[in-house]
Amino acid sequence: MGEAEIKIFEIKGLMMLSHDSFPTWQKFTVYVRALREQDALEKVFSELGSRHKLKRKHIRIEYIRAVSPEEVDDARVLALSQATRVR
């Protein structure tokens, strides 16, 4: 069985902040490393939900696409994609 290639996905969307007091929709762009598009979406839901205490219904995905490492703005994701081994 061949090795699976890890891709970098750019995910853009909206998240509702302060949903209990004064709800406002905030745009976001996130870069995620994943094997599949569905895995990348789950990672975004998990991270935003944990960081901002959001439910899935408060996160709207506008689009998702695979990008090359040259297009990535996130230094953490870029460093992970260039790593050759894990310590």
C-alpha atoms as a PDB file:
ATOM      1  CA  MET A   1       0.000   0.000   0.000  1.00  0.00           C
ATOM      2  CA  GLY A   2       1.357   3.434  -0.968  1.00  0.00           C
ATOM      3  CA  GLU A   3       2.048   6.293   1.352  1.00  0.00           C
ATOM      4  CA  ALA A   4      -0.701   8.877   1.708  1.00  0.00           C
ATOM      5  CA  GLU A   5       0.254  12.415   0.793  1.00  0.00           C
ATOM      6  CA  ILE A   6      -0.484  15.110   3.345  1.00  0.00           C
ATOM      7  CA  LYS A   7      -1.900  18.217   1.687  1.00  0.00           C
ATOM      8  CA  ILE A   8      -2.333  21.778   2.884  1.00  0.00           C
ATOM      9  CA  PHE A   9      -5.880  23.134   2.707  1.00  0.00           C
ATOM     10  CA  GLU A  10      -6.959  26.766   2.809  1.00  0.00           C
ATOM     11  CA  ILE A  11     -10.370  27.135   4.450  1.00  0.00           C
ATOM     12  CA  LYS A  12     -12.284  30.415   4.382  1.00  0.00           C
ATOM     13  CA  GLY A  13     -15.537  31.105   6.127  1.00  0.00           C
ATOM     14  CA  LEU A  14     -17.473  32.972   8.770  1.00  0.00           C
ATOM     15  CA  MET A  15     -17.800  32.365  12.497  1.00  0.00           C
ATOM     16  CA  MET A  16     -20.326  33.899  14.852  1.00  0.00           C
ATOM     17  CA  LEU A  17     -18.634  35.540  17.809  1.00  0.00           C
ATOM     18  CA  SER A  18     -20.481  36.603  20.969  1.00  0.00           C
ATOM     19  CA  HIS A  19     -23.439  34.456  19.952  1.00  0.00           C
ATOM     20  CA  ASP A  20     -25.072  34.847  23.377  1.00  0.00           C
ATOM     21  CA  SER A  21     -24.871  38.652  23.827  1.00  0.00           C
ATOM     22  CA  PHE A  22     -24.306  40.620  20.594  1.00  0.00           C
ATOM     23  CA  PRO A  23     -23.777  38.212  17.697  1.00  0.00           C
ATOM     24  CA  THR A  24     -21.425  39.283  14.909  1.00  0.00           C
ATOM     25  CA  TRP A  25     -20.141  37.265  11.959  1.00  0.00           C
ATOM     26  CA  GLN A  26     -16.349  37.392  11.639  1.00  0.00           C
ATOM     27  CA  LYS A  27     -14.428  36.265   8.538  1.00  0.00           C
ATOM     28  CA  PHE A  28     -11.579  33.791   8.968  1.00  0.00           C
ATOM     29  CA  THR A  29      -8.931  32.065   6.878  1.00  0.00           C
ATOM     30  CA  VAL A  30      -7.225  28.962   8.246  1.00  0.00           C
ATOM     31  CA  TYR A  31      -4.507  26.738   6.789  1.00  0.00           C
ATOM     32  CA  VAL A  32      -4.682  23.086   7.848  1.00  0.00           C
ATOM     33  CA  ARG A  33      -2.600  20.016   7.008  1.00  0.00           C
ATOM     34  CA  ALA A  34      -4.688  16.913   6.351  1.00  0.00           C
ATOM     35  CA  LEU A  35      -4.983  13.843   4.156  1.00  0.00           C
ATOM     36  CA  ARG A  36      -8.505  14.591   2.938  1.00  0.00           C
ATOM     37  CA  GLU A  37     -10.794  17.588   2.646  1.00  0.00           C
ATOM     38  CA  GLN A  38     -13.176  16.106   5.227  1.00  0.00           C
ATOM     39  CA  ASP A  39     -10.328  15.687   7.739  1.00  0.00           C
ATOM     40  CA  ALA A  40      -9.371  19.353   7.248  1.00  0.00           C
ATOM     41  CA  LEU A  41     -12.961  20.469   7.911  1.00  0.00           C
ATOM     42  CA  GLU A  42     -13.125  18.419  11.114  1.00  0.00           C
ATOM     43  CA  LYS A  43      -9.862  20.008  12.280  1.00  0.00           C
ATOM     44  CA  VAL A  44     -11.239  23.521  11.673  1.00  0.00           C
ATOM     45  CA  PHE A  45     -14.485  22.768  13.520  1.00  0.00           C
ATOM     46  CA  SER A  46     -12.465  21.328  16.404  1.00  0.00           C
ATOM     47  CA  GLU A  47      -9.960  24.205  16.653  1.00  0.00           C
ATOM     48  CA  LEU A  48     -12.472  27.051  16.305  1.00  0.00           C
ATOM     49  CA  GLY A  49     -14.926  25.345  18.634  1.00  0.00           C
ATOM     50  CA  SER A  50     -12.251  24.871  21.263  1.00  0.00           C
ATOM     51  CA  ARG A  51     -10.640  28.295  20.915  1.00  0.00           C
ATOM     52  CA  HIS A  52     -13.833  30.387  20.679  1.00  0.00           C
ATOM     53  CA  LYS A  53     -16.388  28.072  22.356  1.00  0.00           C
ATOM     54  CA  LEU A  54     -18.416  27.756  19.127  1.00  0.00           C
ATOM     55  CA  LYS A  55     -20.861  25.098  18.033  1.00  0.00           C
ATOM     56  CA  ARG A  56     -20.760  23.808  14.458  1.00  0.00           C
ATOM     57  CA  LYS A  57     -23.879  25.811  13.629  1.00  0.00           C
ATOM     58  CA  HIS A  58     -21.905  29.005  14.417  1.00  0.00           C
ATOM     59  CA  ILE A  59     -19.257  28.192  11.778  1.00  0.00           C
ATOM     60  CA  ARG A  60     -20.014  28.608   8.067  1.00  0.00           C
ATOM     61  CA  ILE A  61     -17.495  27.373   5.515  1.00  0.00           C
ATOM     62  CA  GLU A  62     -17.411  29.441   2.304  1.00  0.00           C
ATOM     63  CA  TYR A  63     -14.860  27.317   0.476  1.00  0.00           C
ATOM     64  CA  ILE A  64     -12.004  24.891   0.897  1.00  0.00           C
ATOM     65  CA  ARG A  65      -9.151  24.226  -1.525  1.00  0.00           C
ATOM     66  CA  ALA A  66      -5.803  22.487  -1.597  1.00  0.00           C
ATOM     67  CA  VAL A  67      -2.893  24.928  -1.877  1.00  0.00           C
ATOM     68  CA  SER A  68       0.827  24.659  -2.529  1.00  0.00           C
ATOM     69  CA  PRO A  69       3.314  25.455   0.266  1.00  0.00           C
ATOM     70  CA  GLU A  70       4.263  28.688  -1.557  1.00  0.00           C
ATOM     71  CA  GLU A  71       0.732  30.064  -1.027  1.00  0.00           C
ATOM     72  CA  VAL A  72       0.677  29.481   2.752  1.00  0.00           C
ATOM     73  CA  ASP A  73       0.849  32.511   5.084  1.00  0.00           C
ATOM     74  CA  ASP A  74       0.866  30.540   8.358  1.00  0.00           C
ATOM     75  CA  ALA A  75       4.471  30.005   9.508  1.00  0.00           C
ATOM     76  CA  ARG A  76       3.523  27.071  11.767  1.00  0.00           C
ATOM     77  CA  VAL A  77       1.862  25.110   8.961  1.00  0.00           C
ATOM     78  CA  LEU A  78       4.705  25.952   6.583  1.00  0.00           C
ATOM     79  CA  ALA A  79       7.323  24.717   9.075  1.00  0.00           C
ATOM     80  CA  LEU A  80       5.397  21.469   9.608  1.00  0.00           C
ATOM     81  CA  SER A  81       5.141  20.870   5.867  1.00  0.00           C
ATOM     82  CA  GLN A  82       8.908  21.246   5.452  1.00  0.00           C
ATOM     83  CA  ALA A  83       9.803  18.915   8.330  1.00  0.00           C
ATOM     84  CA  THR A  84      11.554  15.736   7.251  1.00  0.00           C
ATOM     85  CA  ARG A  85      11.321  13.813  10.520  1.00  0.00           C
ATOM     86  CA  VAL A  86       9.682  13.856  13.927  1.00  0.00           C
ATOM     87  CA  ARG A  87      11.876  14.033  17.010  1.00  0.00           C
END
